[in-house]
Amino acid sequence: MVELCRVDDRMLHGQVAVTWVNQVAPDAILIANDEAATNEMSKLAFKMAKPAGVKLAIKTVKDAAVLLNDPRTKKTRIFLIVRTVQDALELVKATGGQIKSVNIGGVKKKEGSRQVAANVHMNDDDLTTLRELNSLVYVELRMVPSESKTDVSKLI
């Protein structure tokens, strides 16, 4: 069961490993990103950042959907982390309602993007995807659990 799906371009890092894991209290962290799943250095860094007592899986987006759809994972509290809103949308569509909401964390500035909120930069394609994602599930912006939630509907 997905407890939280978070979009964060750094994926698993100190802030996520400490504050979000403490808030979500997952049994497992699932990183779903095609590049990370095939990059040995990224995998090693994520394994080092993983909090003790929490399992970690690093999968492509398609393999993450297969894992989330496996009946054996239904009782597992999963903290799902993706790098992009596109990855989040693909997983929302592929997992049949298992993802109830998406948290947008840090999305760094890139070519053609503009700041839409503190620490969140998106280009036109990202915003189109975000609108579609928001039509399917609740989407909020929040860097850390102690911040107030900002409903993405107010920004798009």
N, C-alpha and C. Protein backbone atom coordinates (compact mmCIF):
# COMPACT_ATOMS: atom_id res chain seq x y z
N MET A 1 0.84 -1.16 0.00
CA MET A 1 0.00 0.00 0.00
C MET A 1 0.90 1.24 0.00
N VAL A 2 0.65 2.16 -0.92
CA VAL A 2 1.43 3.38 -1.01
C VAL A 2 0.94 4.36 0.04
N GLU A 3 1.79 4.66 0.99
CA GLU A 3 1.46 5.62 2.05
C GLU A 3 1.66 7.05 1.56
N LEU A 4 2.71 7.25 0.76
CA LEU A 4 3.01 8.57 0.21
C LEU A 4 3.77 8.39 -1.08
N CYS A 5 3.39 9.16 -2.09
CA CYS A 5 4.15 9.26 -3.33
C CYS A 5 4.72 10.67 -3.36
N ARG A 6 6.04 10.77 -3.47
CA ARG A 6 6.70 12.07 -3.45
C ARG A 6 7.51 12.27 -4.73
N VAL A 7 7.35 13.44 -5.33
CA VAL A 7 8.18 13.84 -6.46
C VAL A 7 9.30 14.71 -5.90
N ASP A 8 10.54 14.25 -6.09
CA ASP A 8 11.70 14.98 -5.60
C ASP A 8 12.85 14.64 -6.53
N ASP A 9 13.40 15.64 -7.21
CA ASP A 9 14.43 15.32 -8.20
C ASP A 9 15.71 14.77 -7.60
N ARG A 10 15.89 14.94 -6.30
CA ARG A 10 17.06 14.32 -5.64
C ARG A 10 16.71 12.93 -5.10
N MET A 11 15.45 12.59 -5.13
CA MET A 11 14.90 11.32 -4.67
C MET A 11 15.23 11.07 -3.19
N LEU A 12 16.11 10.15 -2.86
CA LEU A 12 16.38 9.82 -1.46
C LEU A 12 17.62 10.58 -1.00
N HIS A 13 17.41 11.55 -0.12
CA HIS A 13 18.50 12.35 0.43
C HIS A 13 18.18 12.61 1.90
N GLY A 14 19.02 13.34 2.59
CA GLY A 14 18.90 13.52 4.03
C GLY A 14 17.54 13.96 4.50
N GLN A 15 16.99 15.00 3.88
CA GLN A 15 15.68 15.52 4.29
C GLN A 15 14.59 14.45 4.16
N VAL A 16 14.62 13.72 3.08
CA VAL A 16 13.63 12.67 2.86
C VAL A 16 13.88 11.51 3.82
N ALA A 17 15.14 11.11 3.96
CA ALA A 17 15.48 9.96 4.80
C ALA A 17 15.15 10.19 6.27
N VAL A 18 15.20 11.43 6.70
CA VAL A 18 14.95 11.71 8.11
C VAL A 18 13.50 12.17 8.33
N THR A 19 13.16 13.33 7.80
CA THR A 19 11.84 13.90 8.14
C THR A 19 10.67 13.15 7.53
N TRP A 20 10.75 12.83 6.25
CA TRP A 20 9.61 12.17 5.62
C TRP A 20 9.47 10.73 6.07
N VAL A 21 10.58 10.02 6.23
CA VAL A 21 10.49 8.64 6.69
C VAL A 21 9.91 8.60 8.11
N ASN A 22 10.30 9.53 8.96
CA ASN A 22 9.73 9.59 10.31
C ASN A 22 8.22 9.87 10.26
N GLN A 23 7.80 10.72 9.34
CA GLN A 23 6.38 11.06 9.20
C GLN A 23 5.57 9.89 8.64
N VAL A 24 6.09 9.26 7.61
CA VAL A 24 5.35 8.20 6.90
C VAL A 24 5.44 6.85 7.61
N ALA A 25 6.55 6.60 8.27
CA ALA A 25 6.81 5.32 8.95
C ALA A 25 6.60 4.13 8.01
N PRO A 26 7.31 4.12 6.88
CA PRO A 26 7.12 3.02 5.93
C PRO A 26 7.89 1.76 6.32
N ASP A 27 7.42 0.64 5.77
CA ASP A 27 8.19 -0.61 5.86
C ASP A 27 9.27 -0.62 4.79
N ALA A 28 8.97 0.07 3.67
CA ALA A 28 9.88 0.05 2.53
C ALA A 28 9.82 1.37 1.77
N ILE A 29 10.95 1.73 1.17
CA ILE A 29 11.04 2.86 0.26
C ILE A 29 11.20 2.28 -1.13
N LEU A 30 10.38 2.76 -2.05
CA LEU A 30 10.47 2.34 -3.44
C LEU A 30 10.84 3.56 -4.27
N ILE A 31 12.01 3.52 -4.87
CA ILE A 31 12.43 4.57 -5.78
C ILE A 31 12.10 4.08 -7.18
N ALA A 32 11.27 4.85 -7.88
CA ALA A 32 10.85 4.48 -9.23
C ALA A 32 11.38 5.51 -10.22
N ASN A 33 12.43 5.14 -10.92
CA ASN A 33 13.03 6.02 -11.91
C ASN A 33 13.89 5.17 -12.84
N ASP A 34 13.69 5.32 -14.13
CA ASP A 34 14.41 4.49 -15.09
C ASP A 34 15.92 4.70 -15.02
N GLU A 35 16.36 5.94 -14.91
CA GLU A 35 17.79 6.22 -14.86
C GLU A 35 18.42 5.68 -13.58
N ALA A 36 17.79 5.93 -12.45
CA ALA A 36 18.34 5.47 -11.17
C ALA A 36 18.43 3.94 -11.11
N ALA A 37 17.45 3.27 -11.70
CA ALA A 37 17.41 1.81 -11.66
C ALA A 37 18.56 1.17 -12.44
N THR A 38 19.15 1.93 -13.35
CA THR A 38 20.22 1.37 -14.17
C THR A 38 21.59 1.99 -13.88
N ASN A 39 21.66 2.89 -12.89
CA ASN A 39 22.90 3.57 -12.57
C ASN A 39 23.44 3.04 -11.24
N GLU A 40 24.53 2.31 -11.31
CA GLU A 40 25.09 1.67 -10.12
C GLU A 40 25.54 2.68 -9.06
N MET A 41 26.06 3.81 -9.49
CA MET A 41 26.49 4.83 -8.52
C MET A 41 25.28 5.41 -7.78
N SER A 42 24.20 5.65 -8.50
CA SER A 42 22.97 6.15 -7.85
C SER A 42 22.44 5.14 -6.86
N LYS A 43 22.42 3.88 -7.27
CA LYS A 43 21.93 2.83 -6.38
C LYS A 43 22.75 2.78 -5.09
N LEU A 44 24.06 2.88 -5.22
CA LEU A 44 24.94 2.85 -4.06
C LEU A 44 24.66 4.04 -3.14
N ALA A 45 24.50 5.22 -3.72
CA ALA A 45 24.22 6.42 -2.92
C ALA A 45 22.89 6.29 -2.18
N PHE A 46 21.88 5.75 -2.86
CA PHE A 46 20.57 5.58 -2.21
C PHE A 46 20.64 4.56 -1.09
N LYS A 47 21.40 3.50 -1.30
CA LYS A 47 21.54 2.49 -0.26
C LYS A 47 22.22 3.07 0.98
N MET A 48 23.16 3.98 0.76
CA MET A 48 23.85 4.62 1.88
C MET A 48 22.93 5.60 2.61
N ALA A 49 22.01 6.23 1.89
CA ALA A 49 21.11 7.22 2.49
C ALA A 49 19.90 6.58 3.17
N LYS A 50 19.67 5.32 2.88
CA LYS A 50 18.49 4.63 3.42
C LYS A 50 18.56 4.52 4.93
N PRO A 51 17.47 4.89 5.60
CA PRO A 51 17.46 4.75 7.05
C PRO A 51 17.47 3.27 7.47
N ALA A 52 18.05 3.00 8.61
CA ALA A 52 18.08 1.64 9.15
C ALA A 52 16.66 1.16 9.43
N GLY A 53 16.43 -0.11 9.20
CA GLY A 53 15.14 -0.71 9.51
C GLY A 53 14.09 -0.55 8.43
N VAL A 54 14.44 0.09 7.32
CA VAL A 54 13.51 0.28 6.22
C VAL A 54 14.09 -0.40 4.99
N LYS A 55 13.29 -1.21 4.31
CA LYS A 55 13.75 -1.87 3.09
C LYS A 55 13.81 -0.84 1.97
N LEU A 56 14.62 -1.11 0.96
CA LEU A 56 14.77 -0.22 -0.19
C LEU A 56 14.72 -1.03 -1.47
N ALA A 57 13.92 -0.54 -2.42
CA ALA A 57 13.90 -1.12 -3.76
C ALA A 57 14.06 0.03 -4.75
N ILE A 58 14.87 -0.19 -5.77
CA ILE A 58 15.09 0.81 -6.81
C ILE A 58 14.71 0.15 -8.13
N LYS A 59 13.65 0.64 -8.74
CA LYS A 59 13.07 -0.01 -9.92
C LYS A 59 12.84 1.00 -11.04
N THR A 60 12.74 0.48 -12.26
CA THR A 60 12.25 1.33 -13.35
C THR A 60 10.79 1.63 -13.05
N VAL A 61 10.24 2.61 -13.72
CA VAL A 61 8.84 2.96 -13.47
C VAL A 61 7.93 1.77 -13.79
N LYS A 62 8.19 1.08 -14.89
CA LYS A 62 7.35 -0.08 -15.26
C LYS A 62 7.48 -1.20 -14.23
N ASP A 63 8.70 -1.48 -13.79
CA ASP A 63 8.89 -2.53 -12.79
C ASP A 63 8.29 -2.13 -11.44
N ALA A 64 8.32 -0.83 -11.13
CA ALA A 64 7.69 -0.36 -9.89
C ALA A 64 6.18 -0.58 -9.95
N ALA A 65 5.58 -0.35 -11.11
CA ALA A 65 4.13 -0.58 -11.26
C ALA A 65 3.82 -2.06 -11.06
N VAL A 66 4.64 -2.94 -11.62
CA VAL A 66 4.44 -4.38 -11.44
C VAL A 66 4.52 -4.73 -9.96
N LEU A 67 5.53 -4.20 -9.27
CA LEU A 67 5.70 -4.48 -7.85
C LEU A 67 4.50 -3.96 -7.04
N LEU A 68 4.06 -2.75 -7.32
CA LEU A 68 2.93 -2.18 -6.58
C LEU A 68 1.62 -2.93 -6.85
N ASN A 69 1.50 -3.51 -8.03
CA ASN A 69 0.30 -4.27 -8.38
C ASN A 69 0.34 -5.71 -7.88
N ASP A 70 1.47 -6.14 -7.34
CA ASP A 70 1.61 -7.49 -6.81
C ASP A 70 0.82 -7.58 -5.49
N PRO A 71 -0.10 -8.52 -5.38
CA PRO A 71 -0.90 -8.64 -4.16
C PRO A 71 -0.07 -8.79 -2.88
N ARG A 72 1.13 -9.31 -3.01
CA ARG A 72 1.98 -9.50 -1.82
C ARG A 72 2.44 -8.18 -1.20
N THR A 73 2.36 -7.08 -1.94
CA THR A 73 2.80 -5.79 -1.39
C THR A 73 1.65 -5.00 -0.75
N LYS A 74 0.45 -5.52 -0.79
CA LYS A 74 -0.71 -4.79 -0.27
C LYS A 74 -0.62 -4.46 1.22
N LYS A 75 0.05 -5.29 1.98
CA LYS A 75 0.15 -5.05 3.42
C LYS A 75 1.45 -4.33 3.81
N THR A 76 2.27 -4.01 2.82
CA THR A 76 3.52 -3.32 3.06
C THR A 76 3.29 -1.81 2.95
N ARG A 77 3.72 -1.06 3.97
CA ARG A 77 3.62 0.40 3.94
C ARG A 77 4.77 0.93 3.09
N ILE A 78 4.44 1.47 1.91
CA ILE A 78 5.45 1.88 0.94
C ILE A 78 5.50 3.40 0.81
N PHE A 79 6.71 3.92 0.88
CA PHE A 79 6.99 5.32 0.59
C PHE A 79 7.58 5.33 -0.82
N LEU A 80 6.81 5.82 -1.77
CA LEU A 80 7.19 5.82 -3.19
C LEU A 80 7.81 7.17 -3.53
N ILE A 81 9.00 7.13 -4.11
CA ILE A 81 9.69 8.35 -4.50
C ILE A 81 9.99 8.28 -6.00
N VAL A 82 9.60 9.35 -6.70
CA VAL A 82 9.88 9.48 -8.13
C VAL A 82 10.61 10.79 -8.37
N ARG A 83 11.26 10.89 -9.52
CA ARG A 83 12.02 12.10 -9.83
C ARG A 83 11.17 13.15 -10.53
N THR A 84 10.16 12.72 -11.30
CA THR A 84 9.40 13.67 -12.13
C THR A 84 7.89 13.48 -11.97
N VAL A 85 7.16 14.53 -12.34
CA VAL A 85 5.70 14.42 -12.33
C VAL A 85 5.25 13.43 -13.40
N GLN A 86 6.03 13.27 -14.46
CA GLN A 86 5.70 12.29 -15.49
C GLN A 86 5.74 10.87 -14.92
N ASP A 87 6.77 10.58 -14.12
CA ASP A 87 6.87 9.27 -13.47
C ASP A 87 5.69 9.05 -12.53
N ALA A 88 5.34 10.09 -11.78
CA ALA A 88 4.20 9.99 -10.86
C ALA A 88 2.91 9.70 -11.61
N LEU A 89 2.67 10.42 -12.70
CA LEU A 89 1.45 10.21 -13.49
C LEU A 89 1.40 8.80 -14.06
N GLU A 90 2.51 8.32 -14.58
CA GLU A 90 2.55 6.96 -15.14
C GLU A 90 2.19 5.93 -14.07
N LEU A 91 2.70 6.11 -12.86
CA LEU A 91 2.42 5.16 -11.79
C LEU A 91 0.99 5.28 -11.27
N VAL A 92 0.46 6.48 -11.19
CA VAL A 92 -0.94 6.66 -10.79
C VAL A 92 -1.84 5.90 -11.77
N LYS A 93 -1.58 6.05 -13.05
CA LYS A 93 -2.40 5.39 -14.07
C LYS A 93 -2.22 3.87 -14.05
N ALA A 94 -1.01 3.40 -13.75
CA ALA A 94 -0.70 1.97 -13.85
C ALA A 94 -1.06 1.17 -12.61
N THR A 95 -1.42 1.84 -11.53
CA THR A 95 -1.63 1.12 -10.27
C THR A 95 -3.07 1.14 -9.77
N GLY A 96 -3.98 1.53 -10.59
CA GLY A 96 -5.40 1.39 -10.27
C GLY A 96 -5.87 1.95 -8.94
N GLY A 97 -5.56 3.19 -8.65
CA GLY A 97 -6.08 3.81 -7.45
C GLY A 97 -5.29 3.58 -6.18
N GLN A 98 -4.15 2.93 -6.26
CA GLN A 98 -3.34 2.70 -5.06
C GLN A 98 -2.68 3.98 -4.55
N ILE A 99 -2.43 4.91 -5.46
CA ILE A 99 -1.81 6.18 -5.07
C ILE A 99 -2.94 7.19 -4.93
N LYS A 100 -3.17 7.62 -3.71
CA LYS A 100 -4.30 8.53 -3.42
C LYS A 100 -3.91 9.99 -3.52
N SER A 101 -2.63 10.27 -3.28
CA SER A 101 -2.16 11.65 -3.34
C SER A 101 -0.68 11.67 -3.70
N VAL A 102 -0.25 12.83 -4.19
CA VAL A 102 1.15 13.02 -4.58
C VAL A 102 1.65 14.29 -3.90
N ASN A 103 2.81 14.17 -3.30
CA ASN A 103 3.50 15.31 -2.69
C ASN A 103 4.60 15.76 -3.64
N ILE A 104 4.62 17.04 -3.96
CA ILE A 104 5.69 17.60 -4.79
C ILE A 104 6.68 18.26 -3.85
N GLY A 105 7.91 17.79 -3.89
CA GLY A 105 8.97 18.37 -3.07
C GLY A 105 9.85 19.24 -3.95
N GLY A 106 11.13 19.05 -3.90
CA GLY A 106 12.05 19.86 -4.68
C GLY A 106 12.14 19.42 -6.13
N VAL A 107 11.98 20.39 -7.02
CA VAL A 107 12.19 20.16 -8.45
C VAL A 107 13.06 21.32 -8.93
N LYS A 108 14.32 21.01 -9.23
CA LYS A 108 15.27 22.08 -9.54
C LYS A 108 15.03 22.70 -10.92
N LYS A 109 15.60 23.87 -11.06
CA LYS A 109 15.48 24.63 -12.30
C LYS A 109 16.19 23.89 -13.43
N LYS A 110 15.55 23.87 -14.59
CA LYS A 110 16.15 23.27 -15.78
C LYS A 110 15.81 24.14 -16.98
N GLU A 111 16.37 23.82 -18.09
CA GLU A 111 16.15 24.58 -19.33
C GLU A 111 14.65 24.73 -19.61
N GLY A 112 14.21 25.96 -19.77
CA GLY A 112 12.81 26.22 -20.12
C GLY A 112 11.84 26.18 -18.96
N SER A 113 12.32 25.97 -17.74
CA SER A 113 11.40 25.90 -16.61
C SER A 113 11.29 27.26 -15.93
N ARG A 114 10.24 27.39 -15.13
CA ARG A 114 10.07 28.60 -14.33
C ARG A 114 9.61 28.19 -12.94
N GLN A 115 9.84 29.06 -12.00
CA GLN A 115 9.48 28.75 -10.62
C GLN A 115 7.98 28.87 -10.45
N VAL A 116 7.36 27.79 -9.94
CA VAL A 116 5.91 27.79 -9.70
C VAL A 116 5.61 27.82 -8.20
N ALA A 117 6.61 27.51 -7.41
CA ALA A 117 6.52 27.55 -5.95
C ALA A 117 7.95 27.51 -5.42
N ALA A 118 8.11 27.75 -4.13
CA ALA A 118 9.45 27.68 -3.55
C ALA A 118 10.05 26.31 -3.83
N ASN A 119 11.23 26.28 -4.41
CA ASN A 119 11.96 25.05 -4.71
C ASN A 119 11.29 24.16 -5.75
N VAL A 120 10.32 24.68 -6.49
CA VAL A 120 9.65 23.88 -7.52
C VAL A 120 9.67 24.67 -8.83
N HIS A 121 10.37 24.11 -9.82
CA HIS A 121 10.47 24.71 -11.14
C HIS A 121 9.92 23.72 -12.16
N MET A 122 9.09 24.22 -13.06
CA MET A 122 8.49 23.34 -14.06
C MET A 122 8.43 24.03 -15.41
N ASN A 123 8.55 23.22 -16.46
CA ASN A 123 8.36 23.74 -17.81
C ASN A 123 6.91 23.48 -18.24
N ASP A 124 6.57 23.84 -19.46
CA ASP A 124 5.19 23.70 -19.92
C ASP A 124 4.74 22.24 -19.93
N ASP A 125 5.62 21.33 -20.33
CA ASP A 125 5.26 19.90 -20.33
C ASP A 125 4.99 19.41 -18.91
N ASP A 126 5.82 19.84 -17.96
CA ASP A 126 5.61 19.46 -16.57
C ASP A 126 4.25 19.96 -16.06
N LEU A 127 3.92 21.19 -16.41
CA LEU A 127 2.65 21.78 -15.95
C LEU A 127 1.45 21.07 -16.56
N THR A 128 1.56 20.69 -17.83
CA THR A 128 0.49 19.92 -18.47
C THR A 128 0.31 18.58 -17.75
N THR A 129 1.43 17.92 -17.47
CA THR A 129 1.38 16.64 -16.76
C THR A 129 0.82 16.84 -15.35
N LEU A 130 1.22 17.91 -14.69
CA LEU A 130 0.75 18.20 -13.34
C LEU A 130 -0.77 18.41 -13.33
N ARG A 131 -1.29 19.09 -14.32
CA ARG A 131 -2.75 19.29 -14.42
C ARG A 131 -3.47 17.94 -14.57
N GLU A 132 -2.94 17.08 -15.41
CA GLU A 132 -3.55 15.76 -15.58
C GLU A 132 -3.46 14.95 -14.29
N LEU A 133 -2.30 14.98 -13.67
CA LEU A 133 -2.11 14.27 -12.41
C LEU A 133 -3.11 14.77 -11.36
N ASN A 134 -3.28 16.08 -11.29
CA ASN A 134 -4.19 16.69 -10.32
C ASN A 134 -5.65 16.35 -10.62
N SER A 135 -5.96 16.01 -11.85
CA SER A 135 -7.33 15.60 -12.18
C SER A 135 -7.62 14.18 -11.71
N LEU A 136 -6.57 13.42 -11.41
CA LEU A 136 -6.72 12.02 -11.00
C LEU A 136 -6.58 11.81 -9.49
N VAL A 137 -5.67 12.56 -8.86
CA VAL A 137 -5.41 12.43 -7.42
C VAL A 137 -5.15 13.81 -6.83
N TYR A 138 -5.21 13.87 -5.51
CA TYR A 138 -4.86 15.11 -4.81
C TYR A 138 -3.36 15.33 -4.92
N VAL A 139 -2.96 16.55 -5.28
CA VAL A 139 -1.54 16.89 -5.39
C VAL A 139 -1.26 18.10 -4.51
N GLU A 140 -0.24 17.96 -3.67
CA GLU A 140 0.14 19.04 -2.77
C GLU A 140 1.61 19.36 -2.94
N LEU A 141 1.96 20.59 -2.59
CA LEU A 141 3.36 21.01 -2.56
C LEU A 141 3.75 21.21 -1.11
N ARG A 142 4.88 20.59 -0.74
CA ARG A 142 5.36 20.70 0.63
C ARG A 142 6.76 20.11 0.67
N MET A 143 7.71 20.87 1.14
CA MET A 143 9.09 20.37 1.22
C MET A 143 9.27 19.41 2.39
N VAL A 144 8.74 19.79 3.54
CA VAL A 144 8.89 18.98 4.75
C VAL A 144 7.53 18.82 5.41
N PRO A 145 7.35 17.77 6.18
CA PRO A 145 6.05 17.51 6.80
C PRO A 145 5.54 18.64 7.70
N SER A 146 6.44 19.40 8.30
CA SER A 146 6.01 20.46 9.22
C SER A 146 5.44 21.68 8.51
N GLU A 147 5.65 21.80 7.21
CA GLU A 147 5.09 22.92 6.45
C GLU A 147 3.61 22.69 6.19
N SER A 148 2.89 23.77 5.97
CA SER A 148 1.49 23.66 5.57
C SER A 148 1.42 23.15 4.14
N LYS A 149 0.41 22.34 3.87
CA LYS A 149 0.21 21.83 2.51
C LYS A 149 -0.30 22.96 1.62
N THR A 150 0.21 22.99 0.38
CA THR A 150 -0.31 23.90 -0.61
C THR A 150 -0.96 23.05 -1.69
N ASP A 151 -2.26 23.18 -1.85
CA ASP A 151 -2.99 22.43 -2.87
C ASP A 151 -2.56 22.95 -4.23
N VAL A 152 -2.09 22.07 -5.09
CA VAL A 152 -1.57 22.46 -6.39
C VAL A 152 -2.65 23.11 -7.26
N SER A 153 -3.91 22.83 -6.98
CA SER A 153 -5.01 23.43 -7.74
C SER A 153 -4.96 24.95 -7.67
N LYS A 154 -4.42 25.49 -6.59
CA LYS A 154 -4.35 26.93 -6.43
C LYS A 154 -3.26 27.56 -7.28
N LEU A 155 -2.35 26.74 -7.77
CA LEU A 155 -1.23 27.25 -8.55
C LEU A 155 -1.35 27.04 -10.05
N ILE A 156 -2.18 26.08 -10.45
CA ILE A 156 -2.25 25.78 -11.88
C ILE A 156 -3.53 26.20 -12.49
